[in-house]
Every structure is written in C-alpha cells, then in structure tokens.
Amino acid sequence: MKNIYPYLTLAGTLPFIFCAYCFIADIDVIALLGNTEQVLSVYGLVIAAFMAGSHWGQHLIISEKWQRYLPAFSNFNAVFLWLSFLLFPFKLFIIALILSFSGALLIDKKLRQNKIITRAYFWTRCLVTLIVIVSLVISVSYA
C-alpha cells in the first residue's frame, strides 16, 4: 500500500488556499463557517499545533541530543501561537503563523540532515509549507 501521508498533507493546504481565494474575492464571511479571518486563524492555529505535536512525538523515539530541543520548541511554539491568537490582531497573528511554519520546516531540515525523517517526507513538507506560506501572505495582503 502506498503512503497516504502526502495526499493528506496536501489536502490540508486546501483550507489555506480557499481562504486566500476568499480574501482576493473580498468574501468576508464563508457560509456555514463564519468570518473568513476567524476561519483562517483557527485552522492555522490547529495545523500549527498539530505540527508542534508531531515534533513532540518525534522526540520520544530519537536520540538524546534531540530530546531537549524538540519538546522545548514544540511547547514554546504552541503557547506562543495560542497567546498570539488571543492577543494579536489578525495580520500580526498571520505573521506569527508564517514564522511558526517556517520554524517547523527548519526543524524538519535538521531532522532530515540527521536522517531522522525521510527525504520524501521532507520534500512533502517543503512543498506544503510553501503552499501554506504563499496562501498566508496572499491572505494577509488582501485582508
């Protein structure tokens, strides 16, 4: 059976792309979901927390060197984004998300260099992070 993670990972970009489209089209409210800014913010927060959780999980199965850094980064990232969501205006929160996704990719780059994650997974992460960041930049530009 083929790995399903690339398809699920790419499918996870669709709400980011859709929200960027909504901002370009000047759609302030998405039917059944609510305010476009809120929809994007909450989805971005959930996905960034999910990514932090994946780094947390990785620290449990890898070398001692990484056991300090991954849980510290994942905890800092999750709390920083939660506080950013609660305290920052929309555009500043989106910038925090961009920084978070960029930081997570840098962590994955190090994990790849140390052969902890596969090349295929890393390149999937690169593609998805690019799509998400471009979508977020478009969204913040049109908001």
N, C-alpha and C. Protein backbone atom coordinates (compact mmCIF):
# COMPACT_ATOMS: atom_id res chain seq x y z
N MET A 1 0.84 -1.18 0.00
CA MET A 1 0.00 0.00 0.00
C MET A 1 0.88 1.24 0.00
N LYS A 2 0.53 2.20 -0.83
CA LYS A 2 1.27 3.45 -0.89
C LYS A 2 1.05 4.26 0.37
N ASN A 3 2.04 5.08 0.69
CA ASN A 3 1.87 6.00 1.81
C ASN A 3 0.77 7.01 1.49
N ILE A 4 -0.09 7.22 2.44
CA ILE A 4 -1.20 8.15 2.25
C ILE A 4 -0.84 9.57 2.73
N TYR A 5 0.24 9.68 3.53
CA TYR A 5 0.53 10.99 4.13
C TYR A 5 0.73 12.12 3.13
N PRO A 6 1.33 11.90 1.94
CA PRO A 6 1.46 13.05 1.04
C PRO A 6 0.11 13.61 0.60
N TYR A 7 -0.85 12.72 0.39
CA TYR A 7 -2.17 13.16 -0.06
C TYR A 7 -2.92 13.89 1.06
N LEU A 8 -2.84 13.35 2.26
CA LEU A 8 -3.49 14.01 3.39
C LEU A 8 -2.82 15.35 3.69
N THR A 9 -1.50 15.38 3.59
CA THR A 9 -0.77 16.62 3.85
C THR A 9 -1.14 17.69 2.83
N LEU A 10 -1.18 17.31 1.56
CA LEU A 10 -1.57 18.27 0.53
C LEU A 10 -3.03 18.68 0.68
N ALA A 11 -3.89 17.76 1.05
CA ALA A 11 -5.30 18.11 1.28
C ALA A 11 -5.43 19.14 2.40
N GLY A 12 -4.53 19.08 3.36
CA GLY A 12 -4.54 20.04 4.46
C GLY A 12 -4.26 21.47 4.04
N THR A 13 -3.72 21.65 2.83
CA THR A 13 -3.47 23.01 2.33
C THR A 13 -4.73 23.65 1.76
N LEU A 14 -5.73 22.84 1.44
CA LEU A 14 -6.92 23.37 0.76
C LEU A 14 -7.63 24.48 1.53
N PRO A 15 -7.82 24.37 2.85
CA PRO A 15 -8.44 25.50 3.56
C PRO A 15 -7.61 26.78 3.50
N PHE A 16 -6.28 26.66 3.50
CA PHE A 16 -5.43 27.85 3.37
C PHE A 16 -5.64 28.49 1.99
N ILE A 17 -5.64 27.66 0.97
CA ILE A 17 -5.83 28.15 -0.40
C ILE A 17 -7.22 28.77 -0.55
N PHE A 18 -8.22 28.08 -0.02
CA PHE A 18 -9.60 28.58 -0.12
C PHE A 18 -9.75 29.93 0.58
N CYS A 19 -9.17 30.06 1.76
CA CYS A 19 -9.27 31.34 2.48
C CYS A 19 -8.54 32.44 1.72
N ALA A 20 -7.39 32.13 1.13
CA ALA A 20 -6.68 33.14 0.32
C ALA A 20 -7.57 33.59 -0.84
N TYR A 21 -8.22 32.64 -1.49
CA TYR A 21 -9.16 32.98 -2.56
C TYR A 21 -10.27 33.89 -2.02
N CYS A 22 -10.81 33.57 -0.85
CA CYS A 22 -11.88 34.39 -0.26
C CYS A 22 -11.41 35.82 -0.03
N PHE A 23 -10.18 35.98 0.44
CA PHE A 23 -9.68 37.34 0.65
C PHE A 23 -9.52 38.07 -0.68
N ILE A 24 -9.01 37.38 -1.70
CA ILE A 24 -8.88 38.00 -3.02
C ILE A 24 -10.25 38.40 -3.56
N ALA A 25 -11.24 37.53 -3.38
CA ALA A 25 -12.60 37.77 -3.87
C ALA A 25 -13.41 38.68 -2.95
N ASP A 26 -12.79 39.16 -1.90
CA ASP A 26 -13.44 40.06 -0.95
C ASP A 26 -14.66 39.40 -0.29
N ILE A 27 -14.50 38.13 0.06
CA ILE A 27 -15.56 37.39 0.76
C ILE A 27 -15.23 37.43 2.25
N ASP A 28 -16.02 38.19 3.00
CA ASP A 28 -15.76 38.37 4.43
C ASP A 28 -16.31 37.25 5.30
N VAL A 29 -17.35 36.58 4.81
CA VAL A 29 -18.00 35.52 5.59
C VAL A 29 -18.13 34.29 4.69
N ILE A 30 -17.70 33.15 5.22
CA ILE A 30 -17.83 31.88 4.50
C ILE A 30 -19.08 31.18 5.04
N ALA A 31 -20.00 30.86 4.14
CA ALA A 31 -21.26 30.23 4.55
C ALA A 31 -21.01 29.01 5.43
N LEU A 32 -21.76 28.91 6.48
CA LEU A 32 -21.72 27.82 7.47
C LEU A 32 -20.49 27.85 8.37
N LEU A 33 -19.47 28.60 8.02
CA LEU A 33 -18.24 28.61 8.82
C LEU A 33 -18.01 29.90 9.59
N GLY A 34 -18.34 31.03 8.96
CA GLY A 34 -18.20 32.30 9.67
C GLY A 34 -17.22 33.24 9.01
N ASN A 35 -16.77 34.19 9.79
CA ASN A 35 -15.85 35.23 9.35
C ASN A 35 -14.58 34.61 8.78
N THR A 36 -14.17 35.06 7.60
CA THR A 36 -13.02 34.48 6.91
C THR A 36 -11.74 34.60 7.73
N GLU A 37 -11.54 35.74 8.38
CA GLU A 37 -10.35 35.90 9.23
C GLU A 37 -10.35 34.88 10.36
N GLN A 38 -11.49 34.68 10.98
CA GLN A 38 -11.59 33.72 12.08
C GLN A 38 -11.39 32.29 11.58
N VAL A 39 -11.98 31.96 10.44
CA VAL A 39 -11.84 30.62 9.87
C VAL A 39 -10.36 30.32 9.61
N LEU A 40 -9.66 31.25 8.97
CA LEU A 40 -8.25 31.05 8.67
C LEU A 40 -7.41 31.00 9.94
N SER A 41 -7.68 31.88 10.87
CA SER A 41 -6.90 31.93 12.11
C SER A 41 -7.02 30.63 12.89
N VAL A 42 -8.24 30.15 13.06
CA VAL A 42 -8.45 28.93 13.84
C VAL A 42 -7.85 27.72 13.13
N TYR A 43 -8.06 27.63 11.82
CA TYR A 43 -7.48 26.50 11.09
C TYR A 43 -5.95 26.53 11.16
N GLY A 44 -5.37 27.71 10.96
CA GLY A 44 -3.91 27.84 11.05
C GLY A 44 -3.40 27.46 12.42
N LEU A 45 -4.10 27.87 13.46
CA LEU A 45 -3.71 27.53 14.83
C LEU A 45 -3.76 26.02 15.05
N VAL A 46 -4.81 25.39 14.57
CA VAL A 46 -4.95 23.93 14.72
C VAL A 46 -3.81 23.21 14.00
N ILE A 47 -3.53 23.60 12.77
CA ILE A 47 -2.49 22.92 12.00
C ILE A 47 -1.11 23.17 12.60
N ALA A 48 -0.83 24.39 13.04
CA ALA A 48 0.46 24.67 13.67
C ALA A 48 0.63 23.88 14.97
N ALA A 49 -0.45 23.76 15.74
CA ALA A 49 -0.39 22.95 16.96
C ALA A 49 -0.18 21.48 16.62
N PHE A 50 -0.80 21.01 15.55
CA PHE A 50 -0.61 19.64 15.09
C PHE A 50 0.86 19.41 14.73
N MET A 51 1.46 20.37 14.04
CA MET A 51 2.87 20.24 13.66
C MET A 51 3.76 20.25 14.90
N ALA A 52 3.45 21.10 15.86
CA ALA A 52 4.21 21.10 17.12
C ALA A 52 4.08 19.74 17.81
N GLY A 53 2.89 19.18 17.76
CA GLY A 53 2.66 17.86 18.35
C GLY A 53 3.45 16.77 17.64
N SER A 54 3.61 16.89 16.34
CA SER A 54 4.40 15.88 15.62
C SER A 54 5.86 15.96 16.03
N HIS A 55 6.37 17.17 16.25
CA HIS A 55 7.75 17.30 16.74
C HIS A 55 7.87 16.76 18.16
N TRP A 56 6.86 16.99 18.97
CA TRP A 56 6.86 16.43 20.33
C TRP A 56 6.95 14.91 20.27
N GLY A 57 6.14 14.32 19.41
CA GLY A 57 6.14 12.86 19.28
C GLY A 57 7.46 12.32 18.77
N GLN A 58 8.11 13.05 17.87
CA GLN A 58 9.39 12.58 17.34
C GLN A 58 10.47 12.53 18.42
N HIS A 59 10.41 13.43 19.38
CA HIS A 59 11.46 13.45 20.39
C HIS A 59 11.43 12.19 21.25
N LEU A 60 10.28 11.53 21.29
CA LEU A 60 10.14 10.34 22.12
C LEU A 60 10.88 9.13 21.56
N ILE A 61 11.18 9.16 20.26
CA ILE A 61 11.75 7.97 19.64
C ILE A 61 13.16 8.19 19.07
N ILE A 62 13.75 9.36 19.30
CA ILE A 62 15.06 9.62 18.70
C ILE A 62 16.12 9.88 19.75
N SER A 63 17.31 10.17 19.28
CA SER A 63 18.49 10.28 20.15
C SER A 63 18.35 11.34 21.24
N GLU A 64 19.18 11.17 22.26
CA GLU A 64 19.14 12.05 23.43
C GLU A 64 19.39 13.51 23.07
N LYS A 65 20.24 13.76 22.07
CA LYS A 65 20.55 15.13 21.64
C LYS A 65 19.26 15.91 21.32
N TRP A 66 18.33 15.25 20.66
CA TRP A 66 17.10 15.91 20.24
C TRP A 66 16.05 15.96 21.34
N GLN A 67 16.22 15.18 22.39
CA GLN A 67 15.18 15.11 23.42
C GLN A 67 15.00 16.42 24.18
N ARG A 68 15.97 17.30 24.13
CA ARG A 68 15.81 18.62 24.77
C ARG A 68 15.16 19.62 23.84
N TYR A 69 15.59 19.62 22.59
CA TYR A 69 15.20 20.68 21.67
C TYR A 69 13.79 20.53 21.12
N LEU A 70 13.41 19.37 20.71
CA LEU A 70 12.09 19.20 20.10
C LEU A 70 10.94 19.49 21.06
N PRO A 71 10.95 18.94 22.27
CA PRO A 71 9.82 19.28 23.16
C PRO A 71 9.83 20.75 23.56
N ALA A 72 11.01 21.34 23.73
CA ALA A 72 11.08 22.76 24.08
C ALA A 72 10.52 23.61 22.95
N PHE A 73 10.93 23.31 21.71
CA PHE A 73 10.42 24.07 20.57
C PHE A 73 8.92 23.87 20.41
N SER A 74 8.47 22.63 20.52
CA SER A 74 7.04 22.38 20.30
C SER A 74 6.19 23.06 21.36
N ASN A 75 6.62 23.03 22.61
CA ASN A 75 5.87 23.70 23.67
C ASN A 75 5.88 25.21 23.50
N PHE A 76 7.05 25.77 23.23
CA PHE A 76 7.15 27.21 23.02
C PHE A 76 6.26 27.63 21.86
N ASN A 77 6.34 26.89 20.76
CA ASN A 77 5.58 27.22 19.57
C ASN A 77 4.08 27.20 19.84
N ALA A 78 3.60 26.15 20.48
CA ALA A 78 2.16 26.03 20.76
C ALA A 78 1.67 27.17 21.67
N VAL A 79 2.41 27.45 22.73
CA VAL A 79 1.99 28.52 23.66
C VAL A 79 2.10 29.89 23.00
N PHE A 80 3.18 30.11 22.24
CA PHE A 80 3.35 31.38 21.53
C PHE A 80 2.18 31.63 20.57
N LEU A 81 1.81 30.61 19.82
CA LEU A 81 0.71 30.80 18.87
C LEU A 81 -0.63 30.97 19.56
N TRP A 82 -0.84 30.25 20.64
CA TRP A 82 -2.09 30.42 21.39
C TRP A 82 -2.20 31.85 21.92
N LEU A 83 -1.13 32.35 22.53
CA LEU A 83 -1.14 33.73 23.02
C LEU A 83 -1.27 34.73 21.88
N SER A 84 -0.60 34.45 20.76
CA SER A 84 -0.70 35.34 19.60
C SER A 84 -2.14 35.40 19.09
N PHE A 85 -2.79 34.25 19.04
CA PHE A 85 -4.18 34.20 18.60
C PHE A 85 -5.07 35.03 19.52
N LEU A 86 -4.85 34.92 20.82
CA LEU A 86 -5.68 35.64 21.78
C LEU A 86 -5.38 37.13 21.84
N LEU A 87 -4.13 37.52 21.63
CA LEU A 87 -3.72 38.90 21.89
C LEU A 87 -3.48 39.76 20.65
N PHE A 88 -3.11 39.16 19.54
CA PHE A 88 -2.70 39.94 18.37
C PHE A 88 -3.87 40.17 17.43
N PRO A 89 -3.83 41.29 16.71
CA PRO A 89 -4.80 41.46 15.62
C PRO A 89 -4.50 40.45 14.50
N PHE A 90 -5.47 40.27 13.62
CA PHE A 90 -5.40 39.24 12.59
C PHE A 90 -4.08 39.23 11.82
N LYS A 91 -3.69 40.36 11.28
CA LYS A 91 -2.49 40.39 10.42
C LYS A 91 -1.23 40.00 11.19
N LEU A 92 -1.12 40.44 12.41
CA LEU A 92 0.06 40.08 13.21
C LEU A 92 0.03 38.59 13.57
N PHE A 93 -1.16 38.05 13.82
CA PHE A 93 -1.26 36.62 14.08
C PHE A 93 -0.85 35.80 12.86
N ILE A 94 -1.24 36.25 11.68
CA ILE A 94 -0.86 35.53 10.46
C ILE A 94 0.65 35.55 10.29
N ILE A 95 1.29 36.66 10.62
CA ILE A 95 2.76 36.72 10.57
C ILE A 95 3.36 35.72 11.57
N ALA A 96 2.75 35.60 12.74
CA ALA A 96 3.21 34.61 13.72
C ALA A 96 3.07 33.20 13.17
N LEU A 97 1.98 32.92 12.46
CA LEU A 97 1.81 31.61 11.82
C LEU A 97 2.90 31.35 10.78
N ILE A 98 3.19 32.36 9.97
CA ILE A 98 4.23 32.22 8.95
C ILE A 98 5.57 31.89 9.62
N LEU A 99 5.88 32.59 10.70
CA LEU A 99 7.12 32.30 11.43
C LEU A 99 7.11 30.89 12.01
N SER A 100 5.97 30.48 12.52
CA SER A 100 5.84 29.14 13.10
C SER A 100 6.06 28.05 12.05
N PHE A 101 5.38 28.17 10.91
CA PHE A 101 5.53 27.17 9.86
C PHE A 101 6.96 27.16 9.31
N SER A 102 7.57 28.34 9.21
CA SER A 102 8.96 28.42 8.75
C SER A 102 9.90 27.75 9.75
N GLY A 103 9.67 28.02 11.03
CA GLY A 103 10.49 27.39 12.07
C GLY A 103 10.34 25.88 12.09
N ALA A 104 9.12 25.40 11.91
CA ALA A 104 8.89 23.95 11.88
C ALA A 104 9.62 23.32 10.70
N LEU A 105 9.65 24.02 9.57
CA LEU A 105 10.37 23.49 8.40
C LEU A 105 11.87 23.46 8.66
N LEU A 106 12.39 24.46 9.35
CA LEU A 106 13.82 24.46 9.69
C LEU A 106 14.15 23.28 10.61
N ILE A 107 13.27 23.00 11.54
CA ILE A 107 13.46 21.82 12.40
C ILE A 107 13.46 20.56 11.55
N ASP A 108 12.51 20.46 10.61
CA ASP A 108 12.46 19.29 9.74
C ASP A 108 13.70 19.18 8.86
N LYS A 109 14.26 20.31 8.46
CA LYS A 109 15.50 20.29 7.68
C LYS A 109 16.62 19.65 8.50
N LYS A 110 16.72 20.04 9.76
CA LYS A 110 17.73 19.44 10.65
C LYS A 110 17.45 17.95 10.86
N LEU A 111 16.19 17.60 11.03
CA LEU A 111 15.85 16.19 11.20
C LEU A 111 16.21 15.40 9.95
N ARG A 112 16.03 15.99 8.78
CA ARG A 112 16.40 15.32 7.53
C ARG A 112 17.92 15.18 7.43
N GLN A 113 18.65 16.24 7.76
CA GLN A 113 20.12 16.20 7.70
C GLN A 113 20.67 15.10 8.61
N ASN A 114 19.97 14.83 9.68
CA ASN A 114 20.38 13.77 10.61
C ASN A 114 19.73 12.43 10.30
N LYS A 115 19.06 12.37 9.14
CA LYS A 115 18.42 11.13 8.67
C LYS A 115 17.36 10.58 9.64
N ILE A 116 16.70 11.49 10.31
CA ILE A 116 15.63 11.11 11.23
C ILE A 116 14.30 11.02 10.50
N ILE A 117 14.12 11.87 9.50
CA ILE A 117 12.94 11.78 8.64
C ILE A 117 13.40 11.46 7.22
N THR A 118 12.52 10.90 6.43
CA THR A 118 12.88 10.50 5.07
C THR A 118 12.94 11.71 4.13
N ARG A 119 13.65 11.50 3.04
CA ARG A 119 13.74 12.55 2.02
C ARG A 119 12.35 12.85 1.46
N ALA A 120 11.57 11.82 1.20
CA ALA A 120 10.22 12.02 0.64
C ALA A 120 9.35 12.84 1.59
N TYR A 121 9.39 12.51 2.87
CA TYR A 121 8.59 13.28 3.83
C TYR A 121 9.07 14.73 3.90
N PHE A 122 10.38 14.93 3.91
CA PHE A 122 10.90 16.29 3.97
C PHE A 122 10.47 17.11 2.75
N TRP A 123 10.53 16.54 1.56
CA TRP A 123 10.14 17.29 0.37
C TRP A 123 8.64 17.55 0.34
N THR A 124 7.87 16.63 0.87
CA THR A 124 6.43 16.89 1.01
C THR A 124 6.22 18.08 1.93
N ARG A 125 6.95 18.10 3.05
CA ARG A 125 6.85 19.22 4.00
C ARG A 125 7.27 20.53 3.34
N CYS A 126 8.31 20.50 2.52
CA CYS A 126 8.75 21.73 1.82
C CYS A 126 7.66 22.26 0.91
N LEU A 127 7.07 21.37 0.11
CA LEU A 127 6.02 21.78 -0.82
C LEU A 127 4.81 22.32 -0.07
N VAL A 128 4.38 21.62 0.95
CA VAL A 128 3.21 22.03 1.71
C VAL A 128 3.46 23.35 2.44
N THR A 129 4.63 23.50 3.02
CA THR A 129 4.96 24.75 3.72
C THR A 129 4.98 25.92 2.74
N LEU A 130 5.50 25.70 1.54
CA LEU A 130 5.50 26.75 0.52
C LEU A 130 4.06 27.15 0.17
N ILE A 131 3.21 26.18 -0.06
CA ILE A 131 1.80 26.46 -0.39
C ILE A 131 1.13 27.23 0.75
N VAL A 132 1.35 26.78 1.98
CA VAL A 132 0.71 27.41 3.13
C VAL A 132 1.21 28.84 3.31
N ILE A 133 2.51 29.05 3.22
CA ILE A 133 3.06 30.40 3.43
C ILE A 133 2.61 31.34 2.32
N VAL A 134 2.61 30.89 1.08
CA VAL A 134 2.12 31.74 -0.01
C VAL A 134 0.65 32.08 0.22
N SER A 135 -0.14 31.11 0.61
CA SER A 135 -1.56 31.37 0.90
C SER A 135 -1.73 32.37 2.04
N LEU A 136 -0.91 32.25 3.07
CA LEU A 136 -0.99 33.17 4.20
C LEU A 136 -0.56 34.58 3.80
N VAL A 137 0.49 34.68 2.99
CA VAL A 137 0.94 36.00 2.51
C VAL A 137 -0.15 36.65 1.67
N ILE A 138 -0.76 35.88 0.79
CA ILE A 138 -1.87 36.42 -0.01
C ILE A 138 -3.00 36.87 0.91
N SER A 139 -3.35 36.03 1.87
CA SER A 139 -4.45 36.37 2.77
C SER A 139 -4.17 37.65 3.54
N VAL A 140 -3.00 37.78 4.09
CA VAL A 140 -2.67 38.97 4.88
C VAL A 140 -2.56 40.21 3.98
N SER A 141 -2.20 40.02 2.74
CA SER A 141 -2.10 41.15 1.80
C SER A 141 -3.46 41.69 1.39
N TYR A 142 -4.45 40.81 1.32
CA TYR A 142 -5.79 41.22 0.88
C TYR A 142 -6.75 41.49 2.03
N ALA A 143 -6.36 41.13 3.23
CA ALA A 143 -7.27 41.29 4.39
C ALA A 143 -7.47 42.76 4.72
